[in-house]
Amino acid sequence: MMVDKAQRLRSRLRRSGDAETFNPSRLTLARKRRGLAKLALADLIGVDRKTVHSYETGITVPEEGVLGGIIRALEFPREFFFGDDIEEPSVLSGSFRSMSKMSAPLRDMAQSQAAFGLHLSTWLKRKFELPSVQIPDVSLTSDPEAAAEFVRRTWGLGNLSIRNMIHLLESKGVRVFSLALDAREVDAYSMWTDGIPYVFLNNNKSAEHSRFDAAHELGHLVLHKHGTPRGIEAEKQAHTFASAFLMPRGSVFAHAPRFPTFNTLVALKKVWTTSVAALAYRLHELDLMTDWQYRGICIEIAKRARDREPESVPREISIVLPQIFASLYEDGITRSQVAKELAIPTSELEQLLFGLTMTGIIGGGKRTPAKAPELSRVK
């Protein structure tokens, strides 16, 4: 959430005898990033909960000795606590998947990592000309399937299979970062901030699952840019959009098997690089599989593909982030130096990039051609 006016004023309090400005909102952000309640932090630094509350509201400023304890407990550099406010997304500004299943600490950890993504993105924007935003607004469309067809048509994709969802999103101006949380409850998150779309993907999921999450979040970006609807209805719409976007109706009808089985779906899923479960759902949704067949396939999936996707593909990666860090490296700027400029731990920077700069997906059938987005240094 954005810090309110009162907290902004309190955050300007200065430590006595020192020109530095302690920012209480950054203490709150660091605490939430570590998944700690105020009481837990109080125990770690040897004060009571009310004292931590007074630090975070700007009523008092931690003494140097206590500040050292905070730095050790939260593992953030001292400089971090003396910077300007960092914009923090709220639940209302984005789309947390499966929010009802999330504990408050887990939600706070995910939101705070998204805040560091915005922080990094702002820094990168000052140094690079990133791809312009080309995301259609179809929020007035009530039919997610029609919206998916419209976006495909607008982007000239036809019925081709998507070669790489992350590359596609980045080429259209979406800033894609990793959501490095080892938690099944958090799949992905997306939001609009200052006219820029962001997607955060949990890379602890399978490659197929992550592709579907990326398409799901694209659905939120194009369907729910203005914030409505929310909850279960919004999730259903984004799910339908993702299914239709990854597996367009015409393509599915052209490839649909007459007698679908688990094994035939494992082979067929390679056409669109989706999970067996997502393909089965799409076939049933388009009446290409009877209720009886669908139930049977779901039982088979539960037995044979619950914990591991059969014949899984390599994970998709970013195309923009490797270019950025290669360019920075040529200028003698390492990731550690970037983290230092941002005043965040190097581990936080690495987690935003986790899995996005390591391996690439190999295309299966006839797919959209991969085209690197334009990227240049700011003069």
Protein backbone atom coordinates (compact mmCIF):
# COMPACT_ATOMS: atom_id res chain seq x y z
CA MET A 1 0.00 0.00 0.00
CA MET A 2 1.18 3.57 -0.52
CA VAL A 3 2.33 5.29 2.64
CA ASP A 4 -0.20 7.91 3.73
CA LYS A 5 0.52 11.61 4.12
CA ALA A 6 1.00 11.39 7.87
CA GLN A 7 3.53 8.61 7.52
CA ARG A 8 5.33 10.53 4.80
CA LEU A 9 5.70 13.43 7.22
CA ARG A 10 6.85 11.13 10.01
CA SER A 11 9.35 9.48 7.68
CA ARG A 12 11.14 12.81 7.42
CA LEU A 13 12.14 12.69 11.10
CA ARG A 14 15.90 13.04 11.46
CA ARG A 15 18.16 11.19 13.77
CA SER A 16 19.63 13.58 16.35
CA GLY A 17 23.14 14.74 15.53
CA ASP A 18 23.03 13.16 12.09
CA ALA A 19 21.87 14.47 8.69
CA GLU A 20 20.56 11.09 7.61
CA THR A 21 16.84 10.48 7.42
CA PHE A 22 15.53 7.22 8.83
CA ASN A 23 12.56 6.01 6.75
CA PRO A 24 10.08 3.99 8.85
CA SER A 25 8.21 2.72 5.79
CA ARG A 26 11.36 0.89 4.71
CA LEU A 27 11.59 -0.83 8.08
CA THR A 28 8.03 -2.10 7.61
CA LEU A 29 8.86 -3.26 4.08
CA ALA A 30 11.98 -5.15 5.18
CA ARG A 31 10.13 -6.78 8.09
CA LYS A 32 7.33 -7.97 5.82
CA ARG A 33 9.84 -9.25 3.26
CA ARG A 34 11.24 -11.54 5.95
CA GLY A 35 7.75 -12.74 6.87
CA LEU A 36 7.99 -11.40 10.43
CA ALA A 37 5.26 -9.99 12.64
CA LYS A 38 6.11 -6.93 14.75
CA LEU A 39 6.32 -9.10 17.86
CA ALA A 40 8.76 -11.49 16.19
CA LEU A 41 11.02 -8.61 15.14
CA ALA A 42 10.77 -7.12 18.65
CA ASP A 43 12.00 -10.40 20.15
CA LEU A 44 14.92 -10.53 17.73
CA ILE A 45 16.17 -7.01 18.53
CA GLY A 46 15.38 -7.01 22.26
CA VAL A 47 12.54 -4.50 22.47
CA ASP A 48 8.79 -4.77 22.92
CA ARG A 49 6.15 -4.76 20.19
CA LYS A 50 5.04 -1.19 20.98
CA THR A 51 8.57 0.04 20.38
CA VAL A 52 8.68 -1.59 16.93
CA HIS A 53 5.28 -0.03 16.21
CA SER A 54 6.67 3.39 17.18
CA TYR A 55 9.63 2.87 14.82
CA GLU A 56 7.37 1.93 11.92
CA THR A 57 4.99 4.84 12.45
CA GLY A 58 7.82 7.34 12.77
CA ILE A 59 6.97 8.31 16.36
CA THR A 60 10.48 7.38 17.47
CA VAL A 61 13.72 6.56 15.68
CA PRO A 62 15.82 3.53 16.65
CA GLU A 63 19.07 4.27 18.43
CA GLU A 64 22.27 3.22 16.70
CA GLY A 65 22.61 0.04 18.76
CA VAL A 66 19.03 -1.03 18.05
CA LEU A 67 19.46 -0.16 14.38
CA GLY A 68 22.41 -2.54 14.25
CA GLY A 69 20.16 -5.26 15.64
CA ILE A 70 17.55 -4.51 12.99
CA ILE A 71 20.16 -4.72 10.24
CA ARG A 72 21.37 -8.10 11.51
CA ALA A 73 17.87 -9.48 12.06
CA LEU A 74 16.46 -8.43 8.68
CA GLU A 75 19.70 -8.81 6.69
CA PHE A 76 19.29 -5.53 4.84
CA PRO A 77 22.17 -3.04 4.48
CA ARG A 78 22.17 0.06 6.66
CA GLU A 79 21.71 2.31 3.60
CA PHE A 80 18.39 0.67 2.85
CA PHE A 81 16.72 2.22 5.90
CA PHE A 82 17.69 5.76 4.90
CA GLY A 83 16.36 5.94 1.34
CA ASP A 84 13.22 7.52 -0.09
CA ASP A 85 9.86 5.78 0.04
CA ILE A 86 9.57 2.66 -2.12
CA GLU A 87 6.25 2.27 -3.86
CA GLU A 88 4.42 -0.76 -2.52
CA PRO A 89 1.59 -2.44 -4.44
CA SER A 90 -1.56 -3.24 -2.54
CA VAL A 91 -3.85 -6.22 -2.99
CA LEU A 92 -6.31 -3.83 -4.63
CA SER A 93 -3.78 -2.76 -7.28
CA GLY A 94 -3.06 -6.20 -8.63
CA SER A 95 -4.11 -9.79 -8.89
CA PHE A 96 -2.88 -12.19 -6.28
CA ARG A 97 -3.79 -15.69 -7.36
CA SER A 98 -5.54 -17.88 -4.78
CA MET A 99 -5.59 -15.05 -2.24
CA SER A 100 -8.00 -16.90 0.03
CA LYS A 101 -5.41 -19.65 0.52
CA MET A 102 -2.65 -17.23 1.45
CA SER A 103 -1.58 -16.45 4.99
CA ALA A 104 -0.98 -12.78 5.82
CA PRO A 105 2.82 -13.24 6.20
CA LEU A 106 3.02 -15.02 2.84
CA ARG A 107 0.99 -12.29 1.17
CA ASP A 108 3.22 -9.64 2.74
CA MET A 109 6.35 -11.44 1.49
CA ALA A 110 4.97 -11.59 -2.05
CA GLN A 111 3.85 -7.96 -2.04
CA SER A 112 7.15 -6.72 -0.65
CA GLN A 113 9.07 -8.60 -3.34
CA ALA A 114 6.83 -6.94 -5.92
CA ALA A 115 7.82 -3.60 -4.35
CA PHE A 116 11.48 -4.43 -4.96
CA GLY A 117 10.57 -5.29 -8.55
CA LEU A 118 9.13 -1.78 -8.97
CA HIS A 119 12.24 -0.37 -7.29
CA LEU A 120 14.51 -2.22 -9.75
CA SER A 121 12.33 -1.30 -12.72
CA THR A 122 12.52 2.40 -11.85
CA TRP A 123 16.32 2.15 -11.71
CA LEU A 124 16.48 0.32 -15.05
CA LYS A 125 14.18 2.86 -16.70
CA ARG A 126 16.73 5.59 -15.96
CA LYS A 127 19.44 3.65 -17.80
CA PHE A 128 17.64 1.81 -20.63
CA GLU A 129 14.91 2.50 -23.15
CA LEU A 130 12.70 -0.51 -22.53
CA PRO A 131 10.01 -1.79 -24.95
CA SER A 132 6.94 0.43 -25.16
CA VAL A 133 3.63 -0.79 -23.76
CA GLN A 134 1.33 -2.37 -26.34
CA ILE A 135 -1.30 -4.06 -24.17
CA PRO A 136 -4.89 -3.77 -25.47
CA ASP A 137 -7.56 -2.69 -23.00
CA VAL A 138 -10.49 -5.07 -23.38
CA SER A 139 -11.99 -4.39 -19.95
CA LEU A 140 -15.37 -3.66 -21.56
CA THR A 141 -15.45 -7.16 -23.06
CA SER A 142 -17.56 -9.60 -21.04
CA ASP A 143 -16.37 -12.68 -22.96
CA PRO A 144 -12.79 -13.77 -22.06
CA GLU A 145 -12.62 -16.11 -25.07
CA ALA A 146 -13.45 -13.23 -27.41
CA ALA A 147 -10.91 -11.06 -25.58
CA ALA A 148 -8.19 -13.69 -26.13
CA GLU A 149 -9.03 -13.87 -29.83
CA PHE A 150 -8.94 -10.06 -30.06
CA VAL A 151 -5.51 -9.83 -28.40
CA ARG A 152 -4.15 -12.57 -30.69
CA ARG A 153 -5.53 -10.77 -33.73
CA THR A 154 -4.17 -7.40 -32.55
CA TRP A 155 -0.71 -8.90 -32.10
CA GLY A 156 -0.86 -10.78 -35.42
CA LEU A 157 -0.57 -14.22 -33.83
CA GLY A 158 -3.38 -15.96 -35.69
CA ASN A 159 -3.72 -19.55 -34.47
CA LEU A 160 0.01 -20.14 -34.06
CA SER A 161 1.29 -21.65 -30.84
CA ILE A 162 3.12 -19.20 -28.58
CA ARG A 163 6.83 -19.96 -28.69
CA ASN A 164 7.71 -18.21 -25.43
CA MET A 165 5.19 -16.38 -23.24
CA ILE A 166 7.82 -14.37 -21.37
CA HIS A 167 9.40 -13.13 -24.61
CA LEU A 168 5.95 -12.21 -25.93
CA LEU A 169 5.01 -10.25 -22.80
CA GLU A 170 8.34 -8.42 -22.73
CA SER A 171 8.07 -7.49 -26.40
CA LYS A 172 4.73 -5.83 -25.59
CA GLY A 173 6.17 -3.76 -22.74
CA VAL A 174 5.35 -5.99 -19.77
CA ARG A 175 8.05 -6.00 -17.06
CA VAL A 176 8.47 -9.63 -16.01
CA PHE A 177 10.17 -10.60 -12.75
CA SER A 178 10.44 -13.69 -10.63
CA LEU A 179 8.36 -14.27 -7.51
CA ALA A 180 10.84 -16.46 -5.64
CA LEU A 181 8.55 -18.00 -3.03
CA ASP A 182 8.62 -21.70 -2.30
CA ALA A 183 4.88 -21.81 -1.75
CA ARG A 184 2.18 -23.60 -3.70
CA GLU A 185 -0.35 -20.96 -2.66
CA VAL A 186 1.30 -18.23 -4.74
CA ASP A 187 1.32 -18.77 -8.50
CA ALA A 188 1.72 -15.33 -9.98
CA TYR A 189 0.85 -11.67 -9.56
CA SER A 190 0.26 -8.81 -11.98
CA MET A 191 -0.51 -5.12 -11.77
CA TRP A 192 -0.52 -1.79 -13.56
CA THR A 193 1.61 0.97 -12.04
CA ASP A 194 2.01 4.40 -13.67
CA GLY A 195 0.88 2.98 -17.01
CA ILE A 196 3.38 0.10 -16.92
CA PRO A 197 2.21 -3.54 -16.66
CA TYR A 198 4.10 -5.93 -14.37
CA VAL A 199 3.98 -9.70 -14.03
CA PHE A 200 5.67 -11.69 -11.27
CA LEU A 201 5.94 -15.44 -11.84
CA ASN A 202 6.66 -18.12 -9.25
CA ASN A 203 9.45 -20.13 -10.83
CA ASN A 204 9.08 -22.99 -8.39
CA LYS A 205 6.26 -24.25 -10.64
CA SER A 206 6.64 -26.45 -13.72
CA ALA A 207 7.45 -24.75 -17.02
CA GLU A 208 3.96 -25.52 -18.35
CA HIS A 209 2.35 -24.21 -15.17
CA SER A 210 4.42 -21.02 -15.38
CA ARG A 211 3.41 -20.47 -19.04
CA PHE A 212 -0.24 -20.76 -18.08
CA ASP A 213 0.31 -18.37 -15.16
CA ALA A 214 1.86 -15.84 -17.57
CA ALA A 215 -1.16 -16.08 -19.86
CA HIS A 216 -3.49 -15.90 -16.84
CA GLU A 217 -1.83 -12.68 -15.67
CA LEU A 218 -2.03 -11.26 -19.20
CA GLY A 219 -5.75 -11.93 -18.90
CA HIS A 220 -5.88 -9.84 -15.73
CA LEU A 221 -3.89 -7.04 -17.37
CA VAL A 222 -6.19 -6.75 -20.39
CA LEU A 223 -9.51 -7.60 -18.72
CA HIS A 224 -9.14 -5.99 -15.30
CA LYS A 225 -6.96 -2.95 -15.87
CA HIS A 226 -9.48 -0.76 -14.07
CA GLY A 227 -9.87 -3.08 -11.11
CA THR A 228 -13.17 -4.88 -11.69
CA PRO A 229 -14.40 -7.50 -11.31
CA ARG A 230 -12.53 -9.06 -8.42
CA GLY A 231 -12.36 -12.34 -6.55
CA ILE A 232 -13.54 -15.66 -7.94
CA GLU A 233 -15.23 -14.08 -10.97
CA ALA A 234 -12.02 -12.31 -12.04
CA GLU A 235 -10.00 -15.52 -11.57
CA LYS A 236 -12.44 -17.51 -13.72
CA GLN A 237 -12.26 -14.88 -16.46
CA ALA A 238 -8.45 -14.83 -16.42
CA HIS A 239 -8.37 -18.65 -16.47
CA THR A 240 -10.68 -18.81 -19.48
CA PHE A 241 -8.63 -16.13 -21.22
CA ALA A 242 -5.38 -18.03 -20.62
CA SER A 243 -6.85 -21.28 -21.90
CA ALA A 244 -8.14 -19.63 -25.08
CA PHE A 245 -4.99 -17.56 -25.58
CA LEU A 246 -2.59 -20.50 -25.33
CA MET A 247 -4.87 -22.98 -27.11
CA PRO A 248 -6.92 -21.05 -29.71
CA ARG A 249 -10.19 -22.64 -30.73
CA GLY A 250 -9.28 -23.19 -34.39
CA SER A 251 -5.99 -24.85 -33.54
CA VAL A 252 -7.55 -27.14 -30.95
CA PHE A 253 -10.29 -28.27 -33.35
CA ALA A 254 -7.65 -29.00 -35.98
CA HIS A 255 -5.63 -31.23 -33.63
CA ALA A 256 -8.28 -32.74 -31.36
CA PRO A 257 -8.09 -36.57 -31.06
CA ARG A 258 -11.21 -38.64 -31.72
CA PHE A 259 -10.63 -40.82 -28.67
CA PRO A 260 -8.63 -38.82 -26.09
CA THR A 261 -6.56 -40.78 -23.58
CA PHE A 262 -3.93 -39.74 -21.09
CA ASN A 263 -1.15 -40.85 -23.43
CA THR A 264 -2.59 -39.07 -26.47
CA LEU A 265 -2.90 -35.86 -24.46
CA VAL A 266 0.71 -36.13 -23.27
CA ALA A 267 1.77 -36.24 -26.93
CA LEU A 268 -0.69 -33.53 -28.00
CA LYS A 269 0.19 -31.03 -25.29
CA LYS A 270 3.50 -30.39 -27.04
CA VAL A 271 1.66 -28.49 -29.78
CA TRP A 272 0.82 -25.68 -27.34
CA THR A 273 3.30 -26.41 -24.51
CA THR A 274 0.63 -26.68 -21.86
CA SER A 275 0.06 -29.13 -19.04
CA VAL A 276 -2.00 -32.27 -19.59
CA ALA A 277 -4.57 -30.92 -17.14
CA ALA A 278 -4.90 -27.59 -19.00
CA LEU A 279 -5.31 -29.38 -22.34
CA ALA A 280 -7.94 -31.74 -20.94
CA TYR A 281 -9.85 -28.77 -19.52
CA ARG A 282 -9.73 -26.97 -22.88
CA LEU A 283 -10.97 -30.02 -24.82
CA HIS A 284 -13.84 -30.45 -22.38
CA GLU A 285 -14.60 -26.73 -22.47
CA LEU A 286 -14.95 -26.92 -26.28
CA ASP A 287 -17.14 -30.04 -26.08
CA LEU A 288 -14.41 -32.14 -27.66
CA MET A 289 -14.46 -34.45 -24.66
CA THR A 290 -17.52 -35.82 -22.91
CA ASP A 291 -18.11 -35.42 -19.19
CA TRP A 292 -17.41 -39.14 -18.77
CA GLN A 293 -14.15 -38.92 -20.71
CA TYR A 294 -13.09 -35.81 -18.81
CA ARG A 295 -13.70 -37.44 -15.43
CA GLY A 296 -11.65 -40.45 -16.50
CA ILE A 297 -8.77 -38.27 -17.71
CA CYS A 298 -8.80 -36.26 -14.48
CA ILE A 299 -8.57 -39.46 -12.44
CA GLU A 300 -5.62 -40.57 -14.58
CA ILE A 301 -3.93 -37.17 -14.19
CA ALA A 302 -4.34 -37.39 -10.41
CA LYS A 303 -2.62 -40.77 -10.44
CA ARG A 304 0.17 -40.07 -12.91
CA ALA A 305 0.76 -36.33 -13.08
CA ARG A 306 -0.19 -34.84 -9.72
CA ASP A 307 3.32 -33.92 -8.59
CA ARG A 308 5.27 -34.00 -11.84
CA GLU A 309 4.26 -32.89 -15.32
CA PRO A 310 4.91 -35.72 -17.83
CA GLU A 311 7.48 -34.91 -20.53
CA SER A 312 7.97 -31.44 -19.14
CA VAL A 313 9.87 -28.86 -21.21
CA PRO A 314 12.72 -26.51 -20.22
CA ARG A 315 11.68 -23.37 -18.41
CA GLU A 316 11.09 -20.16 -20.35
CA ILE A 317 13.43 -17.25 -19.71
CA SER A 318 13.53 -13.50 -20.13
CA ILE A 319 15.09 -12.01 -23.23
CA VAL A 320 15.30 -8.46 -21.85
CA LEU A 321 16.98 -9.09 -18.50
CA PRO A 322 20.01 -10.97 -19.91
CA GLN A 323 20.53 -8.15 -22.43
CA ILE A 324 20.38 -5.56 -19.66
CA PHE A 325 22.85 -7.27 -17.36
CA ALA A 326 25.19 -8.15 -20.22
CA SER A 327 25.24 -4.46 -21.19
CA LEU A 328 25.85 -3.40 -17.60
CA TYR A 329 28.64 -5.96 -17.27
CA GLU A 330 30.33 -4.54 -20.37
CA ASP A 331 30.37 -1.22 -18.53
CA GLY A 332 31.96 -2.88 -15.52
CA ILE A 333 28.74 -2.94 -13.48
CA THR A 334 28.09 -6.24 -11.71
CA ARG A 335 24.86 -7.47 -10.13
CA SER A 336 26.37 -6.81 -6.70
CA GLN A 337 26.97 -3.19 -7.71
CA VAL A 338 23.39 -2.87 -8.96
CA ALA A 339 22.14 -4.21 -5.62
CA LYS A 340 24.38 -1.71 -3.81
CA GLU A 341 22.97 1.19 -5.84
CA LEU A 342 19.48 -0.01 -4.95
CA ALA A 343 20.58 -0.47 -1.30
CA ILE A 344 19.12 -3.96 -1.20
CA PRO A 345 20.79 -7.31 -0.49
CA THR A 346 22.26 -8.99 -3.58
CA SER A 347 20.05 -11.97 -2.73
CA GLU A 348 16.93 -9.83 -3.25
CA LEU A 349 18.12 -8.83 -6.73
CA GLU A 350 18.94 -12.45 -7.58
CA GLN A 351 15.50 -13.60 -6.47
CA LEU A 352 13.83 -11.09 -8.80
CA LEU A 353 15.83 -12.65 -11.65
CA PHE A 354 15.58 -16.25 -10.42
CA GLY A 355 15.09 -18.67 -13.29
CA LEU A 356 14.65 -15.87 -15.83
CA THR A 357 18.25 -15.73 -17.04
CA MET A 358 19.37 -19.36 -16.98
CA THR A 359 17.66 -21.73 -19.43
CA GLY A 360 15.44 -21.41 -22.49
CA ILE A 361 12.43 -23.23 -23.88
CA ILE A 362 12.69 -25.26 -27.06
CA GLY A 363 9.75 -24.87 -29.44
CA GLY A 364 7.62 -27.84 -30.47
CA GLY A 365 5.38 -27.30 -33.48
CA LYS A 366 4.77 -24.33 -35.75
CA ARG A 367 5.06 -21.37 -33.45
CA THR A 368 5.21 -17.62 -33.34
CA PRO A 369 8.69 -16.46 -34.39
CA ALA A 370 10.88 -15.24 -31.53
CA LYS A 371 11.73 -11.58 -31.93
CA ALA A 372 13.95 -9.76 -29.46
CA PRO A 373 12.40 -6.52 -28.22
CA GLU A 374 14.29 -3.31 -28.90
CA LEU A 375 16.53 -2.29 -26.04
CA SER A 376 18.94 0.64 -25.94
CA ARG A 377 20.87 2.63 -23.35
CA VAL A 378 19.57 6.01 -22.29
CA LYS A 379 21.96 8.69 -23.52
